[in-house]
Amino acid sequence: MDRRQRKTRNAIFQAFTRLLEKKAYSALTVQEIIDEADISRSTFYAHFETKDELLKAMCTDIFDHVFSCEIMSEEHHDFSDKDSFQDHITHILCHLQEKQQSIKGIFSGECGEIFMRYLKEYLYQVFARQLTERADIPREYRLNHAVSSFAETVHWWLKEHGDYTPEEISRFYFKSVDI
């Protein structure tokens, strides 16, 4: 994708986020997104076929970076020298915090359920690599419990309690679950 396409796509994402803060996802029209982004209809459809595809692309854009397996030193945080699972989760939380404004807009409407479903898909991959076997509890149950409770922790944190740091949320989570 060239620079102009990235800029247009970003404008669409930002317009979509602003509109979600004001209006329910189901009531939002493609025309409103086009108007808010100040682009033509053909430009919108060159990037997305539907607003559902826009939502999925926005989630994918957020999650592909957030859940990158490679941890590097970044502008706002550096986890490159840490390798525990809790450090990895804290790193994910740092990225989610950076995308907090976009995510809050998504959470404010009924598309929050769609966001949570995409979030859980990514989390299953992360947690499946870390979860150890236990004879007394089925692995699938533990995986579902760990992912669901973490997804709800993220929802609770970003929607209502953003004053906690990623490190604090990670600590709360790991003290509350057995991974």
N, C-alpha and C. Protein backbone atom coordinates (compact mmCIF):
# COMPACT_ATOMS: atom_id res chain seq x y z
N MET A 1 0.85 -1.17 0.00
CA MET A 1 0.00 0.00 0.00
C MET A 1 0.90 1.24 0.00
N ASP A 2 0.65 2.15 -0.93
CA ASP A 2 1.47 3.36 -0.98
C ASP A 2 1.03 4.38 0.07
N ARG A 3 1.80 5.45 0.19
CA ARG A 3 1.57 6.45 1.23
C ARG A 3 0.18 7.10 1.11
N ARG A 4 -0.25 7.40 -0.09
CA ARG A 4 -1.55 8.01 -0.31
C ARG A 4 -2.68 7.08 0.13
N GLN A 5 -2.56 5.82 -0.19
CA GLN A 5 -3.58 4.83 0.21
C GLN A 5 -3.62 4.68 1.73
N ARG A 6 -2.45 4.64 2.37
CA ARG A 6 -2.39 4.55 3.83
C ARG A 6 -3.04 5.77 4.47
N LYS A 7 -2.78 6.94 3.91
CA LYS A 7 -3.34 8.18 4.44
C LYS A 7 -4.87 8.17 4.32
N THR A 8 -5.38 7.73 3.19
CA THR A 8 -6.84 7.64 2.99
C THR A 8 -7.45 6.62 3.93
N ARG A 9 -6.83 5.49 4.04
CA ARG A 9 -7.33 4.43 4.93
C ARG A 9 -7.36 4.93 6.38
N ASN A 10 -6.32 5.65 6.77
CA ASN A 10 -6.26 6.22 8.10
C ASN A 10 -7.38 7.24 8.32
N ALA A 11 -7.63 8.06 7.32
CA ALA A 11 -8.71 9.05 7.41
C ALA A 11 -10.06 8.36 7.59
N ILE A 12 -10.25 7.26 6.90
CA ILE A 12 -11.50 6.49 7.03
C ILE A 12 -11.60 5.91 8.44
N PHE A 13 -10.52 5.32 8.94
CA PHE A 13 -10.51 4.77 10.30
C PHE A 13 -10.83 5.85 11.33
N GLN A 14 -10.22 7.01 11.19
CA GLN A 14 -10.44 8.10 12.15
C GLN A 14 -11.88 8.60 12.09
N ALA A 15 -12.40 8.74 10.88
CA ALA A 15 -13.80 9.18 10.73
C ALA A 15 -14.74 8.16 11.35
N PHE A 16 -14.49 6.91 11.10
CA PHE A 16 -15.31 5.83 11.63
C PHE A 16 -15.29 5.85 13.16
N THR A 17 -14.11 6.03 13.73
CA THR A 17 -13.96 6.08 15.19
C THR A 17 -14.74 7.26 15.77
N ARG A 18 -14.59 8.42 15.17
CA ARG A 18 -15.33 9.61 15.67
C ARG A 18 -16.83 9.39 15.62
N LEU A 19 -17.30 8.81 14.53
CA LEU A 19 -18.74 8.58 14.38
C LEU A 19 -19.26 7.55 15.38
N LEU A 20 -18.46 6.52 15.66
CA LEU A 20 -18.88 5.49 16.62
C LEU A 20 -19.02 6.06 18.03
N GLU A 21 -18.31 7.13 18.32
CA GLU A 21 -18.44 7.77 19.63
C GLU A 21 -19.76 8.50 19.77
N LYS A 22 -20.38 8.82 18.63
CA LYS A 22 -21.62 9.61 18.64
C LYS A 22 -22.86 8.80 18.27
N LYS A 23 -22.67 7.71 17.56
CA LYS A 23 -23.81 7.02 16.96
C LYS A 23 -23.62 5.51 17.01
N ALA A 24 -24.70 4.79 17.14
CA ALA A 24 -24.65 3.32 17.16
C ALA A 24 -24.18 2.78 15.81
N TYR A 25 -23.43 1.70 15.85
CA TYR A 25 -22.89 1.08 14.65
C TYR A 25 -24.00 0.74 13.65
N SER A 26 -25.10 0.16 14.13
CA SER A 26 -26.17 -0.25 13.23
C SER A 26 -26.85 0.94 12.55
N ALA A 27 -26.82 2.11 13.19
CA ALA A 27 -27.45 3.29 12.62
C ALA A 27 -26.50 4.08 11.72
N LEU A 28 -25.25 3.73 11.75
CA LEU A 28 -24.23 4.45 10.99
C LEU A 28 -24.27 4.02 9.52
N THR A 29 -24.22 4.99 8.62
CA THR A 29 -24.24 4.67 7.18
C THR A 29 -22.87 4.90 6.56
N VAL A 30 -22.66 4.24 5.44
CA VAL A 30 -21.42 4.45 4.70
C VAL A 30 -21.33 5.91 4.27
N GLN A 31 -22.46 6.51 3.89
CA GLN A 31 -22.45 7.92 3.48
C GLN A 31 -21.94 8.83 4.60
N GLU A 32 -22.32 8.54 5.83
CA GLU A 32 -21.84 9.35 6.96
C GLU A 32 -20.32 9.20 7.14
N ILE A 33 -19.83 8.00 6.94
CA ILE A 33 -18.38 7.75 7.03
C ILE A 33 -17.67 8.52 5.93
N ILE A 34 -18.21 8.46 4.72
CA ILE A 34 -17.65 9.18 3.57
C ILE A 34 -17.61 10.68 3.84
N ASP A 35 -18.71 11.21 4.33
CA ASP A 35 -18.78 12.65 4.62
C ASP A 35 -17.79 13.04 5.70
N GLU A 36 -17.72 12.26 6.77
CA GLU A 36 -16.81 12.56 7.88
C GLU A 36 -15.35 12.48 7.45
N ALA A 37 -15.04 11.52 6.59
CA ALA A 37 -13.66 11.35 6.12
C ALA A 37 -13.32 12.30 4.98
N ASP A 38 -14.35 12.94 4.42
CA ASP A 38 -14.20 13.87 3.30
C ASP A 38 -13.54 13.20 2.11
N ILE A 39 -14.14 12.07 1.73
CA ILE A 39 -13.68 11.31 0.57
C ILE A 39 -14.87 11.01 -0.33
N SER A 40 -14.60 10.52 -1.51
CA SER A 40 -15.68 10.15 -2.43
C SER A 40 -16.15 8.72 -2.13
N ARG A 41 -17.34 8.43 -2.62
CA ARG A 41 -17.91 7.09 -2.46
C ARG A 41 -16.99 6.04 -3.10
N SER A 42 -16.51 6.35 -4.29
CA SER A 42 -15.65 5.38 -4.99
C SER A 42 -14.35 5.14 -4.22
N THR A 43 -13.84 6.18 -3.55
CA THR A 43 -12.64 6.01 -2.74
C THR A 43 -12.90 5.07 -1.57
N PHE A 44 -14.05 5.26 -0.89
CA PHE A 44 -14.40 4.36 0.21
C PHE A 44 -14.45 2.92 -0.30
N TYR A 45 -15.19 2.71 -1.40
CA TYR A 45 -15.37 1.35 -1.91
C TYR A 45 -14.10 0.76 -2.54
N ALA A 46 -13.14 1.60 -2.85
CA ALA A 46 -11.85 1.08 -3.30
C ALA A 46 -11.09 0.44 -2.13
N HIS A 47 -11.44 0.87 -0.92
CA HIS A 47 -10.77 0.34 0.28
C HIS A 47 -11.61 -0.73 0.99
N PHE A 48 -12.93 -0.54 1.03
CA PHE A 48 -13.81 -1.44 1.79
C PHE A 48 -15.11 -1.66 1.04
N GLU A 49 -15.60 -2.90 1.04
CA GLU A 49 -16.87 -3.20 0.38
C GLU A 49 -18.06 -2.79 1.23
N THR A 50 -17.91 -2.89 2.57
CA THR A 50 -19.00 -2.59 3.49
C THR A 50 -18.45 -1.98 4.77
N LYS A 51 -19.33 -1.46 5.60
CA LYS A 51 -18.86 -0.95 6.90
C LYS A 51 -18.44 -2.11 7.80
N ASP A 52 -19.01 -3.31 7.60
CA ASP A 52 -18.57 -4.49 8.36
C ASP A 52 -17.13 -4.82 8.02
N GLU A 53 -16.80 -4.73 6.74
CA GLU A 53 -15.42 -4.98 6.32
C GLU A 53 -14.49 -3.91 6.89
N LEU A 54 -14.97 -2.67 6.96
CA LEU A 54 -14.20 -1.59 7.57
C LEU A 54 -13.91 -1.90 9.04
N LEU A 55 -14.93 -2.34 9.77
CA LEU A 55 -14.74 -2.69 11.18
C LEU A 55 -13.73 -3.82 11.33
N LYS A 56 -13.87 -4.84 10.51
CA LYS A 56 -12.93 -5.96 10.59
C LYS A 56 -11.51 -5.51 10.26
N ALA A 57 -11.37 -4.67 9.25
CA ALA A 57 -10.04 -4.18 8.86
C ALA A 57 -9.44 -3.33 9.97
N MET A 58 -10.27 -2.53 10.61
CA MET A 58 -9.78 -1.70 11.70
C MET A 58 -9.30 -2.58 12.86
N CYS A 59 -10.06 -3.59 13.21
CA CYS A 59 -9.66 -4.52 14.27
C CYS A 59 -8.38 -5.26 13.88
N THR A 60 -8.32 -5.73 12.65
CA THR A 60 -7.14 -6.44 12.18
C THR A 60 -5.92 -5.54 12.22
N ASP A 61 -6.10 -4.29 11.81
CA ASP A 61 -5.00 -3.32 11.83
C ASP A 61 -4.48 -3.14 13.26
N ILE A 62 -5.38 -3.01 14.19
CA ILE A 62 -5.00 -2.86 15.61
C ILE A 62 -4.31 -4.13 16.10
N PHE A 63 -4.93 -5.28 15.86
CA PHE A 63 -4.44 -6.53 16.42
C PHE A 63 -3.16 -7.04 15.78
N ASP A 64 -2.99 -6.82 14.47
CA ASP A 64 -1.77 -7.32 13.84
C ASP A 64 -0.52 -6.72 14.48
N HIS A 65 -0.58 -5.46 14.82
CA HIS A 65 0.56 -4.85 15.48
C HIS A 65 0.61 -5.23 16.96
N VAL A 66 -0.53 -5.18 17.62
CA VAL A 66 -0.60 -5.47 19.05
C VAL A 66 -0.10 -6.88 19.36
N PHE A 67 -0.48 -7.83 18.52
CA PHE A 67 -0.17 -9.23 18.80
C PHE A 67 1.03 -9.75 18.01
N SER A 68 1.85 -8.86 17.53
CA SER A 68 3.05 -9.27 16.83
C SER A 68 3.90 -10.14 17.75
N CYS A 69 4.39 -11.24 17.24
CA CYS A 69 5.21 -12.15 18.05
C CYS A 69 6.58 -11.54 18.36
N GLU A 70 7.05 -10.68 17.49
CA GLU A 70 8.36 -10.08 17.68
C GLU A 70 8.24 -8.84 18.56
N ILE A 71 8.92 -8.86 19.68
CA ILE A 71 8.89 -7.73 20.60
C ILE A 71 10.17 -6.92 20.42
N MET A 72 9.98 -5.66 20.03
CA MET A 72 11.11 -4.78 19.79
C MET A 72 11.02 -3.57 20.72
N SER A 73 12.10 -2.85 20.80
CA SER A 73 12.08 -1.59 21.52
C SER A 73 11.24 -0.61 20.72
N GLU A 74 10.30 0.06 21.40
CA GLU A 74 9.41 0.99 20.72
C GLU A 74 9.45 2.34 21.41
N GLU A 75 8.87 3.32 20.78
CA GLU A 75 8.94 4.70 21.27
C GLU A 75 8.44 4.85 22.70
N HIS A 76 7.30 4.23 23.02
CA HIS A 76 6.68 4.44 24.33
C HIS A 76 6.98 3.34 25.35
N HIS A 77 7.56 2.24 24.91
CA HIS A 77 7.86 1.15 25.84
C HIS A 77 8.90 0.22 25.22
N ASP A 78 9.60 -0.50 26.08
CA ASP A 78 10.63 -1.42 25.61
C ASP A 78 10.52 -2.74 26.37
N PHE A 79 10.06 -3.76 25.68
CA PHE A 79 9.96 -5.09 26.26
C PHE A 79 10.91 -6.05 25.56
N SER A 80 11.83 -5.53 24.77
CA SER A 80 12.70 -6.37 23.96
C SER A 80 13.61 -7.28 24.80
N ASP A 81 13.87 -6.90 26.04
CA ASP A 81 14.75 -7.71 26.89
C ASP A 81 13.97 -8.54 27.91
N LYS A 82 12.65 -8.62 27.74
CA LYS A 82 11.81 -9.38 28.67
C LYS A 82 11.16 -10.53 27.92
N ASP A 83 11.04 -11.67 28.59
CA ASP A 83 10.51 -12.82 27.86
C ASP A 83 9.47 -13.64 28.63
N SER A 84 9.03 -13.18 29.78
CA SER A 84 8.00 -13.95 30.50
C SER A 84 6.64 -13.72 29.85
N PHE A 85 5.72 -14.61 30.11
CA PHE A 85 4.37 -14.47 29.56
C PHE A 85 3.71 -13.21 30.11
N GLN A 86 3.92 -12.90 31.37
CA GLN A 86 3.34 -11.69 31.94
C GLN A 86 3.90 -10.44 31.24
N ASP A 87 5.18 -10.45 30.92
CA ASP A 87 5.76 -9.33 30.17
C ASP A 87 5.10 -9.21 28.79
N HIS A 88 4.87 -10.34 28.15
CA HIS A 88 4.23 -10.33 26.83
C HIS A 88 2.82 -9.75 26.93
N ILE A 89 2.08 -10.15 27.95
CA ILE A 89 0.72 -9.63 28.16
C ILE A 89 0.77 -8.12 28.46
N THR A 90 1.72 -7.69 29.26
CA THR A 90 1.86 -6.26 29.56
C THR A 90 2.17 -5.49 28.28
N HIS A 91 3.01 -6.07 27.43
CA HIS A 91 3.33 -5.44 26.14
C HIS A 91 2.07 -5.29 25.29
N ILE A 92 1.25 -6.32 25.24
CA ILE A 92 -0.02 -6.25 24.50
C ILE A 92 -0.88 -5.13 25.07
N LEU A 93 -0.95 -5.04 26.39
CA LEU A 93 -1.75 -4.00 27.04
C LEU A 93 -1.22 -2.60 26.71
N CYS A 94 0.08 -2.44 26.61
CA CYS A 94 0.66 -1.14 26.23
C CYS A 94 0.16 -0.74 24.84
N HIS A 95 0.16 -1.68 23.92
CA HIS A 95 -0.33 -1.38 22.57
C HIS A 95 -1.82 -1.07 22.56
N LEU A 96 -2.58 -1.82 23.31
CA LEU A 96 -4.02 -1.55 23.38
C LEU A 96 -4.27 -0.17 23.99
N GLN A 97 -3.46 0.21 24.96
CA GLN A 97 -3.61 1.53 25.56
C GLN A 97 -3.32 2.62 24.52
N GLU A 98 -2.31 2.40 23.67
CA GLU A 98 -1.99 3.36 22.62
C GLU A 98 -3.14 3.52 21.62
N LYS A 99 -3.90 2.45 21.41
CA LYS A 99 -5.03 2.47 20.48
C LYS A 99 -6.35 2.74 21.21
N GLN A 100 -6.26 3.16 22.47
CA GLN A 100 -7.42 3.30 23.33
C GLN A 100 -8.53 4.16 22.73
N GLN A 101 -8.19 5.26 22.08
CA GLN A 101 -9.22 6.15 21.53
C GLN A 101 -10.04 5.43 20.47
N SER A 102 -9.38 4.71 19.58
CA SER A 102 -10.10 3.95 18.55
C SER A 102 -10.95 2.85 19.18
N ILE A 103 -10.39 2.17 20.16
CA ILE A 103 -11.09 1.06 20.79
C ILE A 103 -12.29 1.55 21.59
N LYS A 104 -12.16 2.69 22.27
CA LYS A 104 -13.31 3.24 23.02
C LYS A 104 -14.48 3.51 22.11
N GLY A 105 -14.22 4.03 20.92
CA GLY A 105 -15.29 4.26 19.96
C GLY A 105 -15.97 2.97 19.56
N ILE A 106 -15.20 1.94 19.39
CA ILE A 106 -15.76 0.63 19.03
C ILE A 106 -16.58 0.07 20.19
N PHE A 107 -16.07 0.18 21.41
CA PHE A 107 -16.79 -0.31 22.58
C PHE A 107 -18.08 0.44 22.85
N SER A 108 -18.16 1.69 22.42
CA SER A 108 -19.32 2.51 22.77
C SER A 108 -20.61 2.05 22.09
N GLY A 109 -20.51 1.24 21.08
CA GLY A 109 -21.70 0.77 20.39
C GLY A 109 -21.81 -0.73 20.40
N GLU A 110 -22.79 -1.22 19.65
CA GLU A 110 -23.00 -2.67 19.63
C GLU A 110 -21.91 -3.41 18.87
N CYS A 111 -21.05 -2.70 18.16
CA CYS A 111 -19.95 -3.38 17.48
C CYS A 111 -18.87 -3.81 18.46
N GLY A 112 -19.04 -3.44 19.72
CA GLY A 112 -18.12 -3.90 20.75
C GLY A 112 -18.07 -5.42 20.83
N GLU A 113 -19.21 -6.07 20.58
CA GLU A 113 -19.26 -7.54 20.57
C GLU A 113 -18.41 -8.10 19.45
N ILE A 114 -18.46 -7.46 18.30
CA ILE A 114 -17.66 -7.90 17.16
C ILE A 114 -16.18 -7.73 17.48
N PHE A 115 -15.83 -6.58 18.06
CA PHE A 115 -14.45 -6.32 18.47
C PHE A 115 -13.98 -7.39 19.45
N MET A 116 -14.82 -7.71 20.43
CA MET A 116 -14.44 -8.71 21.43
C MET A 116 -14.23 -10.08 20.77
N ARG A 117 -15.05 -10.41 19.80
CA ARG A 117 -14.88 -11.69 19.11
C ARG A 117 -13.54 -11.75 18.39
N TYR A 118 -13.17 -10.66 17.69
CA TYR A 118 -11.87 -10.61 17.01
C TYR A 118 -10.73 -10.63 18.02
N LEU A 119 -10.89 -9.89 19.11
CA LEU A 119 -9.87 -9.87 20.16
C LEU A 119 -9.63 -11.28 20.69
N LYS A 120 -10.70 -12.00 20.97
CA LYS A 120 -10.57 -13.36 21.50
C LYS A 120 -9.89 -14.29 20.51
N GLU A 121 -10.13 -14.12 19.21
CA GLU A 121 -9.47 -14.95 18.21
C GLU A 121 -7.95 -14.80 18.31
N TYR A 122 -7.49 -13.58 18.45
CA TYR A 122 -6.06 -13.33 18.60
C TYR A 122 -5.56 -13.86 19.93
N LEU A 123 -6.32 -13.64 20.99
CA LEU A 123 -5.89 -14.07 22.32
C LEU A 123 -5.76 -15.59 22.41
N TYR A 124 -6.65 -16.33 21.74
CA TYR A 124 -6.55 -17.79 21.76
C TYR A 124 -5.18 -18.24 21.25
N GLN A 125 -4.69 -17.60 20.21
CA GLN A 125 -3.39 -17.97 19.67
C GLN A 125 -2.27 -17.69 20.67
N VAL A 126 -2.33 -16.54 21.33
CA VAL A 126 -1.31 -16.15 22.30
C VAL A 126 -1.32 -17.08 23.51
N PHE A 127 -2.51 -17.30 24.07
CA PHE A 127 -2.62 -18.10 25.28
C PHE A 127 -2.37 -19.58 25.02
N ALA A 128 -2.73 -20.07 23.85
CA ALA A 128 -2.54 -21.49 23.53
C ALA A 128 -1.06 -21.86 23.55
N ARG A 129 -0.21 -20.92 23.17
CA ARG A 129 1.24 -21.19 23.17
C ARG A 129 1.81 -21.24 24.58
N GLN A 130 1.12 -20.66 25.56
CA GLN A 130 1.67 -20.53 26.91
C GLN A 130 1.06 -21.47 27.94
N LEU A 131 -0.14 -21.91 27.68
CA LEU A 131 -0.88 -22.69 28.67
C LEU A 131 -0.25 -24.06 28.87
N THR A 132 -0.01 -24.40 30.11
CA THR A 132 0.57 -25.70 30.44
C THR A 132 -0.56 -26.71 30.69
N GLU A 133 -0.21 -27.98 30.61
CA GLU A 133 -1.19 -29.05 30.83
C GLU A 133 -1.41 -29.25 32.33
N ARG A 134 -2.65 -29.58 32.67
CA ARG A 134 -3.00 -29.96 34.04
C ARG A 134 -3.92 -31.16 33.95
N ALA A 135 -3.68 -32.14 34.78
CA ALA A 135 -4.48 -33.37 34.74
C ALA A 135 -5.90 -33.15 35.26
N ASP A 136 -6.07 -32.18 36.15
CA ASP A 136 -7.36 -32.01 36.82
C ASP A 136 -8.35 -31.10 36.09
N ILE A 137 -7.91 -30.36 35.06
CA ILE A 137 -8.79 -29.45 34.32
C ILE A 137 -8.50 -29.58 32.83
N PRO A 138 -9.54 -29.78 32.01
CA PRO A 138 -9.30 -29.88 30.56
C PRO A 138 -8.63 -28.61 30.01
N ARG A 139 -7.68 -28.80 29.13
CA ARG A 139 -6.94 -27.68 28.54
C ARG A 139 -7.87 -26.68 27.85
N GLU A 140 -8.86 -27.19 27.11
CA GLU A 140 -9.79 -26.31 26.39
C GLU A 140 -10.56 -25.40 27.35
N TYR A 141 -10.93 -25.95 28.50
CA TYR A 141 -11.63 -25.15 29.49
C TYR A 141 -10.72 -24.05 30.02
N ARG A 142 -9.50 -24.41 30.39
CA ARG A 142 -8.55 -23.42 30.92
C ARG A 142 -8.25 -22.34 29.89
N LEU A 143 -8.10 -22.75 28.63
CA LEU A 143 -7.83 -21.79 27.56
C LEU A 143 -9.00 -20.83 27.40
N ASN A 144 -10.20 -21.37 27.36
CA ASN A 144 -11.40 -20.52 27.23
C ASN A 144 -11.51 -19.56 28.42
N HIS A 145 -11.27 -20.06 29.62
CA HIS A 145 -11.36 -19.24 30.82
C HIS A 145 -10.31 -18.12 30.80
N ALA A 146 -9.08 -18.46 30.47
CA ALA A 146 -8.00 -17.47 30.46
C ALA A 146 -8.26 -16.38 29.42
N VAL A 147 -8.67 -16.79 28.23
CA VAL A 147 -8.94 -15.83 27.15
C VAL A 147 -10.15 -14.95 27.47
N SER A 148 -11.22 -15.57 27.91
CA SER A 148 -12.44 -14.82 28.22
C SER A 148 -12.22 -13.82 29.34
N SER A 149 -11.54 -14.25 30.39
CA SER A 149 -11.31 -13.34 31.51
C SER A 149 -10.36 -12.21 31.12
N PHE A 150 -9.38 -12.51 30.28
CA PHE A 150 -8.47 -11.44 29.86
C PHE A 150 -9.19 -10.46 28.93
N ALA A 151 -10.00 -10.96 28.02
CA ALA A 151 -10.76 -10.08 27.11
C ALA A 151 -11.68 -9.17 27.91
N GLU A 152 -12.33 -9.71 28.92
CA GLU A 152 -13.21 -8.88 29.77
C GLU A 152 -12.40 -7.90 30.61
N THR A 153 -11.20 -8.29 31.01
CA THR A 153 -10.32 -7.37 31.72
C THR A 153 -9.97 -6.18 30.82
N VAL A 154 -9.63 -6.46 29.58
CA VAL A 154 -9.32 -5.39 28.62
C VAL A 154 -10.53 -4.49 28.45
N HIS A 155 -11.71 -5.07 28.29
CA HIS A 155 -12.94 -4.30 28.13
C HIS A 155 -13.17 -3.40 29.34
N TRP A 156 -13.08 -3.96 30.53
CA TRP A 156 -13.28 -3.21 31.78
C TRP A 156 -12.28 -2.06 31.87
N TRP A 157 -11.04 -2.36 31.55
CA TRP A 157 -9.96 -1.37 31.67
C TRP A 157 -10.13 -0.23 30.68
N LEU A 158 -10.25 -0.55 29.41
CA LEU A 158 -10.27 0.49 28.39
C LEU A 158 -11.57 1.28 28.36
N LYS A 159 -12.65 0.64 28.74
CA LYS A 159 -13.93 1.35 28.70
C LYS A 159 -14.14 2.25 29.91
N GLU A 160 -13.69 1.80 31.09
CA GLU A 160 -14.05 2.54 32.30
C GLU A 160 -12.91 2.86 33.26
N HIS A 161 -11.78 2.19 33.14
CA HIS A 161 -10.73 2.33 34.15
C HIS A 161 -9.36 2.55 33.53
N GLY A 162 -9.30 3.41 32.52
CA GLY A 162 -8.06 3.66 31.80
C GLY A 162 -6.97 4.34 32.61
N ASP A 163 -7.28 4.71 33.84
CA ASP A 163 -6.28 5.36 34.69
C ASP A 163 -5.27 4.35 35.24
N TYR A 164 -5.58 3.07 35.17
CA TYR A 164 -4.61 2.05 35.58
C TYR A 164 -3.59 1.86 34.46
N THR A 165 -2.36 1.58 34.83
CA THR A 165 -1.31 1.36 33.84
C THR A 165 -1.40 -0.07 33.29
N PRO A 166 -0.79 -0.32 32.14
CA PRO A 166 -0.74 -1.69 31.63
C PRO A 166 -0.09 -2.65 32.63
N GLU A 167 0.93 -2.18 33.33
CA GLU A 167 1.61 -3.03 34.31
C GLU A 167 0.67 -3.42 35.45
N GLU A 168 -0.14 -2.46 35.90
CA GLU A 168 -1.09 -2.75 36.99
C GLU A 168 -2.15 -3.74 36.52
N ILE A 169 -2.68 -3.54 35.33
CA ILE A 169 -3.72 -4.44 34.80
C ILE A 169 -3.16 -5.85 34.64
N SER A 170 -1.94 -5.94 34.13
CA SER A 170 -1.30 -7.25 33.98
C SER A 170 -1.15 -7.93 35.34
N ARG A 171 -0.71 -7.18 36.31
CA ARG A 171 -0.54 -7.72 37.68
C ARG A 171 -1.89 -8.18 38.23
N PHE A 172 -2.94 -7.36 38.08
CA PHE A 172 -4.28 -7.74 38.56
C PHE A 172 -4.70 -9.07 37.90
N TYR A 173 -4.50 -9.15 36.59
CA TYR A 173 -4.93 -10.33 35.86
C TYR A 173 -4.20 -11.58 36.34
N PHE A 174 -2.88 -11.51 36.42
CA PHE A 174 -2.11 -12.69 36.80
C PHE A 174 -2.31 -13.09 38.24
N LYS A 175 -2.68 -12.17 39.10
CA LYS A 175 -3.00 -12.52 40.49
C LYS A 175 -4.38 -13.18 40.57
N SER A 176 -5.22 -12.97 39.55
CA SER A 176 -6.61 -13.46 39.57
C SER A 176 -6.79 -14.81 38.88
N VAL A 177 -5.86 -15.20 38.00
CA VAL A 177 -6.02 -16.45 37.25
C VAL A 177 -4.80 -17.34 37.44
N ASP A 178 -5.02 -18.61 37.17
CA ASP A 178 -3.93 -19.60 37.25
C ASP A 178 -3.57 -20.03 35.84
N ILE A 179 -2.46 -19.49 35.37
CA ILE A 179 -2.02 -19.83 34.00
C ILE A 179 -0.77 -20.67 34.08
